[in-house]
Structure formats: structure tokens, C-alpha cells
Amino acid sequence: MRWRTLAGVLIFTQLSAQVLPQFGEERVGISTAAALKFLGSARSAALVGAALAVPDAAASWLNPALAAEQKGTYAVALVSQRFVAELWYHAACVGYRLAEPATLVLSAATLSVPPIEETTELRPYGTGRHFRFGHWNVGVTYAHRLTEQFAAGITLRYVQERWAEATLRGLVWDAGTLYWTGIGSLRLAVAISHFGFPLRAVGTVPTIRFPASAVQQRQDFQSFAPPTLFRIGAAAEVLQTEAQRWTWAVAVEHPSDEAESYAVASEYGIRFSAAFPAELSFRAGIRANAPEWWAAGVGVALPLTTVVLRIDYALSAREPVGLVWRLGCVLEPLRVP
């Protein structure tokens, strides 16, 4: 009996190691183009990325299927994000409703870094040369509502990064689904992001061999996989009236190059009056087992003559860089009830 129990434990351990490799452990350094993981929405950032099932004009960065929830003919979303050392991230997306069940979204993002001074072992204070790092990507999203309760979407994205004289190019794709369960406002979402073939840099980079100090040209680079993310999320309104709205969202994120993380977030919105239907929203969330472990933000939606302008602000704590802020705006056509 003991031998059977021991054999069962060993077999289960081996199967678990194969089915769930490194579950819960960090896998840092096995992917490239990490800027793809930046959130292109200040609202989603204030909800710590748990807005996988929360419809929004800029939420297609998280889940392409959410683009099918666009109500107006068009939607425009912009966001700016600042890290330390003058590192800026900008993103934009434009959605257009092709027909009643289909939506097309064009998106683009860029990460800019000031020129970096080159240092070597012999010249630790600088060689007088500077090099640049840059990232940008463009994508096209198609989302389709297949039934009244189910929608799906897919994004094809072109990625390019520049490291000094080396350049990395490649294609990745995202896919997602959204399902309205019919139990109140509960909806479920599943998405996979940044899936594709390994990316390899091309170009010629000068290297210095120590101690001979001979300058050589290097052209061979190792390939790395893109930072694939698998997400599962749910969201529902626990309170929804003409004047108030209270949304809760949860999500589980399984990245290919980091530990699994778990997020819970909430958004409370209040409308001023029927005569002036401006809406003020407060958002907050926490994420366990992740560098960016908490976030909070506010948003205000202002109805103008023919459009609704929403301005969002998000503040989050990310280790080890500290506080990170994001500012975004969304422009949608005014919907008359």
C-alpha cells in the first residue's frame, strides 16, 4: 500500500510538472518586446488590468472582443504614460462600426527613450557616443458579435524595436471572447495577447573585445518569444440605476515571462443630473503577485454638443520604478436616450 501511494505521488508530481510548468514561479528574461504589455487605456490601468470584461473604447488592447460592444459609429481613444528617466509611452486607437454586429479598430503605440550614453569597461563615464532605443507597433482589430450574448475579436499587430544599430521586427496577434451569461449583468472573458513566432533582431553592432580593445562587428542575435499573456476575467454591476453604477471586475493573468497574478478592481460612477448627464467615476484595484500591485484613478465624462468627452487619470505603484501615472481621453458620439 505504501509503495502504491509513493508511486502515485511520483506520477502525479511528474504530470503536474509537465502540465503546469513553473506554475507560480518567475520566468524573467525569456521574452522580448516587453513594451507590448503596456496598457493603452488609462481606465484599464486604474483597474489594474482587470477590465477584461468591462466594455470601453480603448479596451481592445486587453480583449479584442470588447470592440464589438462599441455603441456609436466611431470612437477615439488616446493615452500618455510616463515612467522614470523621461520614458514616455503613447497609444491611440480609432474604432469604426462597420455594421450592426462588426467593428474595426486601428491602433498604434510608441515608447520613446532619450539618447543613452555609451559606456565601456575602459570608459565607465562615457565614450562620447550615444545610442537610442525605441519601440512602436501598429495593429488592426476586427470584432464580431456572433449572437446576442457572445462576441469574439482578433488583432494582428506589427512590432518594431530599435536597439542602437540593431532592429527587431515581427508580427504578433491577439484573440479574445466575451460572453454575457444572462445572470444579471455578469459577463465572462478569455483573451490571449502577443502570440506569435520568436522575434530576432537584425543589424550590425560594434563590440569591443577586452583586453585587446579590438572593435568587432556582431551580426548574430538570439531569438526570443514575444511576451504572450493568457487572461481570464469576469465583471458585473452590483448596483446600476439612472444615477449610479458600481462595477466589480476580477482577472487572472498567466504571462509567459513572469509569475501568475490575480487582480480585483472596482469602479463607482455617479451621474450629476438628467439635465446635465455628466458622469464622475472613481476606480481602484489591487493585483497580487505582480510588480504593479495597486492602482487608482478618476474619470469624468462630459457631454458636449454632439459628442461625449471622457478624461481619465490613473496612478499606480510599480516596483521598482515607483509611482506611474497615465492620462487618457476618449471621444464618442453622444447617444440620445
Protein backbone atom coordinates (compact mmCIF):
# COMPACT_ATOMS: atom_id res chain seq x y z
CA MET A 1 0.00 0.00 0.00
CA ARG A 2 2.83 2.39 0.84
CA TRP A 3 4.57 1.62 -2.45
CA ARG A 4 1.35 2.33 -4.37
CA THR A 5 0.90 5.63 -2.56
CA LEU A 6 4.51 6.62 -3.22
CA ALA A 7 4.23 5.65 -6.88
CA GLY A 8 1.01 7.67 -7.20
CA VAL A 9 2.66 10.74 -5.67
CA LEU A 10 5.65 10.47 -8.00
CA ILE A 11 3.48 10.04 -11.08
CA PHE A 12 1.26 12.97 -10.06
CA THR A 13 4.33 15.15 -9.46
CA GLN A 14 5.75 14.38 -12.90
CA LEU A 15 2.42 15.04 -14.61
CA SER A 16 1.98 18.30 -12.71
CA ALA A 17 5.45 19.44 -13.71
CA GLN A 18 4.59 18.84 -17.37
CA VAL A 19 1.05 20.23 -17.40
CA LEU A 20 1.79 23.25 -15.20
CA PRO A 21 5.48 24.01 -15.67
CA GLN A 22 6.88 26.54 -13.20
CA PHE A 23 3.39 27.41 -12.02
CA GLY A 24 3.62 30.48 -9.82
CA GLU A 25 7.36 30.95 -10.37
CA GLU A 26 9.02 33.79 -12.23
CA ARG A 27 10.25 33.23 -15.77
CA VAL A 28 12.05 36.51 -16.32
CA GLY A 29 14.27 37.02 -19.35
CA ILE A 30 12.74 34.56 -21.81
CA SER A 31 10.82 37.06 -23.98
CA THR A 32 11.40 40.32 -25.81
CA ALA A 33 9.35 43.39 -26.82
CA ALA A 34 8.12 43.88 -23.26
CA ALA A 35 6.55 47.23 -24.23
CA LEU A 36 3.68 45.22 -25.74
CA LYS A 37 2.44 44.61 -22.19
CA PHE A 38 1.81 48.29 -21.52
CA LEU A 39 -1.88 49.13 -21.20
CA GLY A 40 -3.21 51.51 -23.85
CA SER A 41 -6.07 52.72 -21.64
CA ALA A 42 -5.96 54.86 -18.50
CA ARG A 43 -9.26 53.39 -17.34
CA SER A 44 -7.98 49.83 -17.65
CA ALA A 45 -4.77 50.85 -15.86
CA ALA A 46 -6.75 52.26 -12.93
CA LEU A 47 -8.49 48.87 -12.73
CA VAL A 48 -5.05 47.11 -12.64
CA GLY A 49 -5.75 45.42 -15.96
CA ALA A 50 -8.77 43.56 -14.60
CA ALA A 51 -11.11 45.22 -17.12
CA LEU A 52 -11.07 42.15 -19.36
CA ALA A 53 -14.88 42.08 -19.43
CA VAL A 54 -15.56 45.82 -18.99
CA PRO A 55 -16.60 47.39 -22.33
CA ASP A 56 -14.63 50.51 -23.20
CA ALA A 57 -13.50 52.33 -26.34
CA ALA A 58 -9.83 51.59 -25.57
CA ALA A 59 -10.27 48.13 -24.03
CA SER A 60 -9.37 46.31 -27.24
CA TRP A 61 -5.74 46.42 -26.01
CA LEU A 62 -6.82 43.94 -23.32
CA ASN A 63 -9.51 41.98 -25.14
CA PRO A 64 -10.25 42.45 -28.87
CA ALA A 65 -13.79 41.15 -28.37
CA LEU A 66 -14.70 44.26 -26.37
CA ALA A 67 -14.61 46.30 -29.58
CA ALA A 68 -17.89 44.61 -30.54
CA GLU A 69 -19.53 46.45 -27.62
CA GLN A 70 -18.94 49.84 -29.25
CA LYS A 71 -22.33 51.58 -29.40
CA GLY A 72 -21.59 54.62 -31.55
CA THR A 73 -20.46 54.85 -35.15
CA TYR A 74 -16.92 55.78 -34.10
CA ALA A 75 -14.71 56.05 -31.02
CA VAL A 76 -11.30 57.65 -30.50
CA ALA A 77 -9.03 56.95 -27.51
CA LEU A 78 -5.65 58.44 -26.57
CA VAL A 79 -3.35 57.77 -23.62
CA SER A 80 0.02 59.01 -22.39
CA GLN A 81 2.08 57.27 -19.74
CA ARG A 82 5.25 58.47 -18.00
CA PHE A 83 7.81 56.29 -16.27
CA VAL A 84 11.11 57.30 -14.72
CA ALA A 85 14.07 58.77 -16.63
CA GLU A 86 11.85 60.59 -19.15
CA LEU A 87 10.50 57.34 -20.56
CA TRP A 88 7.20 58.05 -22.33
CA TYR A 89 4.58 55.72 -23.75
CA HIS A 90 1.82 56.96 -26.06
CA ALA A 91 -1.03 54.96 -27.55
CA ALA A 92 -4.05 55.69 -29.73
CA CYS A 93 -6.89 53.72 -31.24
CA VAL A 94 -9.78 54.56 -33.54
CA GLY A 95 -12.83 52.32 -33.78
CA TYR A 96 -15.39 52.34 -36.58
CA ARG A 97 -18.60 50.34 -36.61
CA LEU A 98 -18.83 48.61 -39.99
CA ALA A 99 -22.30 47.16 -39.47
CA GLU A 100 -24.54 46.24 -36.57
CA PRO A 101 -22.52 43.16 -35.47
CA ALA A 102 -18.98 44.13 -36.60
CA THR A 103 -16.38 46.72 -35.55
CA LEU A 104 -12.97 47.59 -36.98
CA VAL A 105 -10.27 49.21 -34.78
CA LEU A 106 -6.93 50.69 -35.81
CA SER A 107 -4.39 51.11 -33.00
CA ALA A 108 -0.81 52.31 -32.61
CA ALA A 109 1.64 52.77 -29.74
CA THR A 110 5.14 54.11 -29.28
CA LEU A 111 7.72 54.03 -26.49
CA SER A 112 10.35 56.76 -26.56
CA VAL A 113 13.56 57.00 -24.55
CA PRO A 114 16.08 59.88 -24.57
CA PRO A 115 19.51 59.15 -26.08
CA ILE A 116 21.59 56.89 -23.82
CA GLU A 117 25.32 57.49 -23.43
CA GLU A 118 27.54 54.54 -24.27
CA THR A 119 29.90 53.23 -21.57
CA THR A 120 32.57 50.52 -21.65
CA GLU A 121 34.89 48.80 -19.20
CA LEU A 122 37.69 51.20 -20.13
CA ARG A 123 35.45 54.28 -20.23
CA PRO A 124 32.86 53.87 -17.47
CA TYR A 125 31.97 57.58 -17.62
CA GLY A 126 31.11 57.54 -21.29
CA THR A 127 32.71 57.22 -24.70
CA GLY A 128 31.12 60.31 -26.20
CA ARG A 129 28.76 58.18 -28.32
CA HIS A 130 25.04 57.94 -27.75
CA PHE A 131 22.58 55.32 -28.88
CA ARG A 132 18.81 55.19 -28.99
CA PHE A 133 16.14 52.71 -28.03
CA GLY A 134 12.66 52.89 -29.47
CA HIS A 135 9.54 50.76 -29.80
CA TRP A 136 6.42 51.17 -31.88
CA ASN A 137 3.63 48.94 -33.04
CA VAL A 138 0.50 49.21 -35.17
CA GLY A 139 -2.45 46.86 -35.21
CA VAL A 140 -5.82 46.21 -36.79
CA THR A 141 -8.66 44.64 -34.81
CA TYR A 142 -11.82 43.00 -36.09
CA ALA A 143 -14.57 42.19 -33.61
CA HIS A 144 -17.86 40.48 -34.39
CA ARG A 145 -20.94 39.87 -32.27
CA LEU A 146 -21.90 36.33 -33.18
CA THR A 147 -25.01 36.19 -31.00
CA GLU A 148 -26.74 38.50 -28.55
CA GLN A 149 -24.63 37.01 -25.75
CA PHE A 150 -21.33 36.10 -27.42
CA ALA A 151 -18.69 38.20 -29.19
CA ALA A 152 -15.20 37.44 -30.47
CA GLY A 153 -12.33 39.53 -31.79
CA ILE A 154 -8.84 39.22 -33.21
CA THR A 155 -5.94 41.67 -33.60
CA LEU A 156 -2.97 41.46 -35.93
CA ARG A 157 -0.08 43.67 -34.80
CA TYR A 158 3.22 44.64 -36.40
CA VAL A 159 6.03 45.27 -33.90
CA GLN A 160 9.34 47.05 -34.39
CA GLU A 161 12.07 47.87 -31.88
CA ARG A 162 15.42 49.56 -32.33
CA TRP A 163 18.43 48.97 -30.08
CA ALA A 164 21.28 51.15 -31.32
CA GLU A 165 22.14 49.72 -34.77
CA ALA A 166 20.03 46.57 -34.33
CA THR A 167 16.36 46.40 -35.31
CA LEU A 168 13.74 43.86 -34.32
CA ARG A 169 10.62 43.30 -36.43
CA GLY A 170 7.79 40.81 -36.25
CA LEU A 171 4.09 40.04 -36.20
CA VAL A 172 2.00 39.06 -33.18
CA TRP A 173 -1.70 38.56 -32.75
CA ASP A 174 -4.33 38.81 -30.02
CA ALA A 175 -7.63 36.98 -29.72
CA GLY A 176 -10.46 37.25 -27.21
CA THR A 177 -14.03 36.37 -26.42
CA LEU A 178 -16.79 37.95 -24.36
CA TYR A 179 -19.84 36.07 -23.06
CA TRP A 180 -22.87 37.59 -21.37
CA THR A 181 -24.11 34.85 -19.07
CA GLY A 182 -27.66 36.18 -18.63
CA ILE A 183 -27.21 36.12 -14.84
CA GLY A 184 -27.77 39.77 -14.10
CA SER A 185 -25.02 41.71 -15.85
CA LEU A 186 -22.36 39.04 -15.31
CA ARG A 187 -20.05 38.51 -18.27
CA LEU A 188 -17.01 36.31 -18.74
CA ALA A 189 -13.99 36.93 -20.93
CA VAL A 190 -10.97 34.98 -22.14
CA ALA A 191 -8.10 36.52 -24.11
CA ILE A 192 -4.63 35.69 -25.33
CA SER A 193 -2.28 38.55 -26.21
CA HIS A 194 1.03 38.90 -28.11
CA PHE A 195 1.14 35.38 -29.51
CA GLY A 196 3.49 34.73 -32.38
CA PHE A 197 6.76 33.29 -33.66
CA PRO A 198 10.07 34.09 -31.92
CA LEU A 199 11.49 37.53 -32.75
CA ARG A 200 15.10 38.03 -33.79
CA ALA A 201 16.98 41.31 -34.21
CA VAL A 202 18.92 42.10 -37.36
CA GLY A 203 21.72 44.60 -37.93
CA THR A 204 25.39 45.19 -37.17
CA VAL A 205 26.53 46.25 -33.70
CA PRO A 206 30.18 47.11 -32.89
CA THR A 207 31.59 45.27 -29.88
CA ILE A 208 34.88 45.69 -28.01
CA ARG A 209 36.89 42.63 -27.00
CA PHE A 210 38.75 43.08 -23.71
CA PRO A 211 41.73 43.32 -23.14
CA ALA A 212 42.72 43.63 -26.79
CA SER A 213 40.21 46.52 -27.25
CA ALA A 214 39.67 45.46 -30.82
CA VAL A 215 36.38 46.60 -32.30
CA GLN A 216 34.43 43.79 -33.97
CA GLN A 217 31.12 43.69 -35.75
CA ARG A 218 28.42 41.40 -34.39
CA GLN A 219 25.53 40.33 -36.56
CA ASP A 220 24.24 37.17 -34.89
CA PHE A 221 21.49 37.63 -32.32
CA GLN A 222 19.49 35.15 -30.30
CA SER A 223 15.75 34.94 -30.93
CA PHE A 224 13.20 35.32 -28.15
CA ALA A 225 9.48 34.73 -27.97
CA PRO A 226 7.08 37.68 -27.61
CA PRO A 227 5.58 38.28 -24.14
CA THR A 228 2.48 36.11 -24.52
CA LEU A 229 -0.27 36.69 -21.95
CA PHE A 230 -3.26 34.45 -21.21
CA ARG A 231 -6.07 36.13 -19.29
CA ILE A 232 -9.40 35.06 -17.81
CA GLY A 233 -11.75 37.65 -16.34
CA ALA A 234 -15.26 38.41 -15.18
CA ALA A 235 -17.21 41.57 -14.41
CA ALA A 236 -20.66 42.59 -13.24
CA GLU A 237 -22.59 45.61 -11.97
CA VAL A 238 -23.67 45.11 -8.38
CA LEU A 239 -25.54 48.45 -8.50
CA GLN A 240 -26.96 50.11 -11.58
CA THR A 241 -29.54 52.88 -11.65
CA GLU A 242 -30.03 56.03 -13.69
CA ALA A 243 -27.85 57.96 -11.23
CA GLN A 244 -25.33 55.36 -10.01
CA ARG A 245 -23.26 52.47 -11.31
CA TRP A 246 -20.96 50.18 -9.32
CA THR A 247 -18.88 47.65 -11.25
CA TRP A 248 -16.64 44.89 -9.91
CA ALA A 249 -14.10 43.01 -12.01
CA VAL A 250 -11.70 40.12 -11.37
CA ALA A 251 -9.00 38.64 -13.58
CA VAL A 252 -6.28 36.00 -13.63
CA GLU A 253 -3.22 36.63 -15.79
CA HIS A 254 -0.72 33.95 -16.87
CA PRO A 255 2.29 35.54 -18.64
CA SER A 256 4.97 33.56 -20.38
CA ASP A 257 7.82 35.51 -18.75
CA GLU A 258 6.58 36.30 -15.23
CA ALA A 259 4.62 34.80 -12.38
CA GLU A 260 0.86 34.37 -12.47
CA SER A 261 -1.06 37.27 -10.96
CA TYR A 262 -4.60 37.80 -9.67
CA ALA A 263 -6.48 41.09 -9.76
CA VAL A 264 -9.67 42.53 -8.32
CA ALA A 265 -10.91 46.04 -9.11
CA SER A 266 -13.96 48.23 -8.72
CA GLU A 267 -15.41 51.31 -10.40
CA TYR A 268 -18.11 53.55 -8.97
CA GLY A 269 -19.79 56.08 -11.24
CA ILE A 270 -22.31 58.76 -10.39
CA ARG A 271 -24.30 60.90 -12.81
CA PHE A 272 -24.96 64.50 -11.82
CA SER A 273 -28.50 65.01 -13.15
CA ALA A 274 -30.80 64.24 -16.05
CA ALA A 275 -30.45 67.79 -17.34
CA PHE A 276 -26.64 67.59 -17.30
CA PRO A 277 -25.74 63.88 -17.65
CA ALA A 278 -22.06 64.25 -16.86
CA GLU A 279 -20.59 61.25 -15.02
CA LEU A 280 -17.84 61.11 -12.42
CA SER A 281 -16.10 57.77 -11.83
CA PHE A 282 -13.78 56.53 -9.10
CA ARG A 283 -11.63 53.45 -9.72
CA ALA A 284 -9.26 51.31 -7.69
CA GLY A 285 -7.79 47.83 -7.77
CA ILE A 286 -5.10 45.55 -6.42
CA ARG A 287 -3.10 42.82 -8.13
CA ALA A 288 -1.42 40.05 -6.17
CA ASN A 289 1.96 38.63 -7.17
CA ALA A 290 2.80 41.37 -9.69
CA PRO A 291 5.21 44.34 -9.85
CA GLU A 292 2.32 46.80 -10.40
CA TRP A 293 0.35 45.78 -7.35
CA TRP A 294 -2.15 48.64 -6.84
CA ALA A 295 -3.75 51.37 -8.89
CA ALA A 296 -6.37 54.08 -8.51
CA GLY A 297 -7.88 56.70 -10.74
CA VAL A 298 -10.72 59.02 -11.60
CA GLY A 299 -12.61 59.81 -14.75
CA VAL A 300 -15.13 62.38 -15.86
CA ALA A 301 -17.42 62.11 -18.89
CA LEU A 302 -18.65 65.44 -20.25
CA PRO A 303 -21.50 65.53 -22.79
CA LEU A 304 -20.83 68.19 -25.40
CA THR A 305 -22.93 69.23 -28.37
CA THR A 306 -22.71 66.03 -30.39
CA VAL A 307 -20.00 64.04 -28.61
CA VAL A 308 -19.05 62.77 -25.16
CA LEU A 309 -15.54 63.60 -23.97
CA ARG A 310 -14.17 61.39 -21.20
CA ILE A 311 -10.93 62.24 -19.42
CA ASP A 312 -9.27 59.52 -17.32
CA TYR A 313 -6.37 59.66 -14.88
CA ALA A 314 -4.66 56.66 -13.31
CA LEU A 315 -1.92 56.37 -10.71
CA SER A 316 -0.23 53.07 -9.91
CA ALA A 317 2.70 51.76 -7.88
CA ARG A 318 5.16 49.67 -9.83
CA GLU A 319 8.24 48.08 -8.36
CA PRO A 320 11.00 49.18 -8.55
CA VAL A 321 10.30 52.40 -10.51
CA GLY A 322 7.76 53.80 -8.02
CA LEU A 323 4.64 55.73 -8.97
CA VAL A 324 3.48 55.72 -12.59
CA TRP A 325 0.75 57.98 -13.92
CA ARG A 326 -1.35 57.79 -17.07
CA LEU A 327 -3.60 60.36 -18.68
CA GLY A 328 -6.13 59.42 -21.32
CA CYS A 329 -9.15 60.73 -23.17
CA VAL A 330 -11.96 59.07 -25.11
CA LEU A 331 -14.23 60.70 -27.66
CA GLU A 332 -17.52 59.03 -28.61
CA PRO A 333 -20.74 60.25 -30.26
CA LEU A 334 -23.44 61.44 -27.90
CA ARG A 335 -26.20 58.86 -27.52
CA VAL A 336 -29.66 60.38 -27.07
CA PRO A 337 -31.93 58.15 -24.95
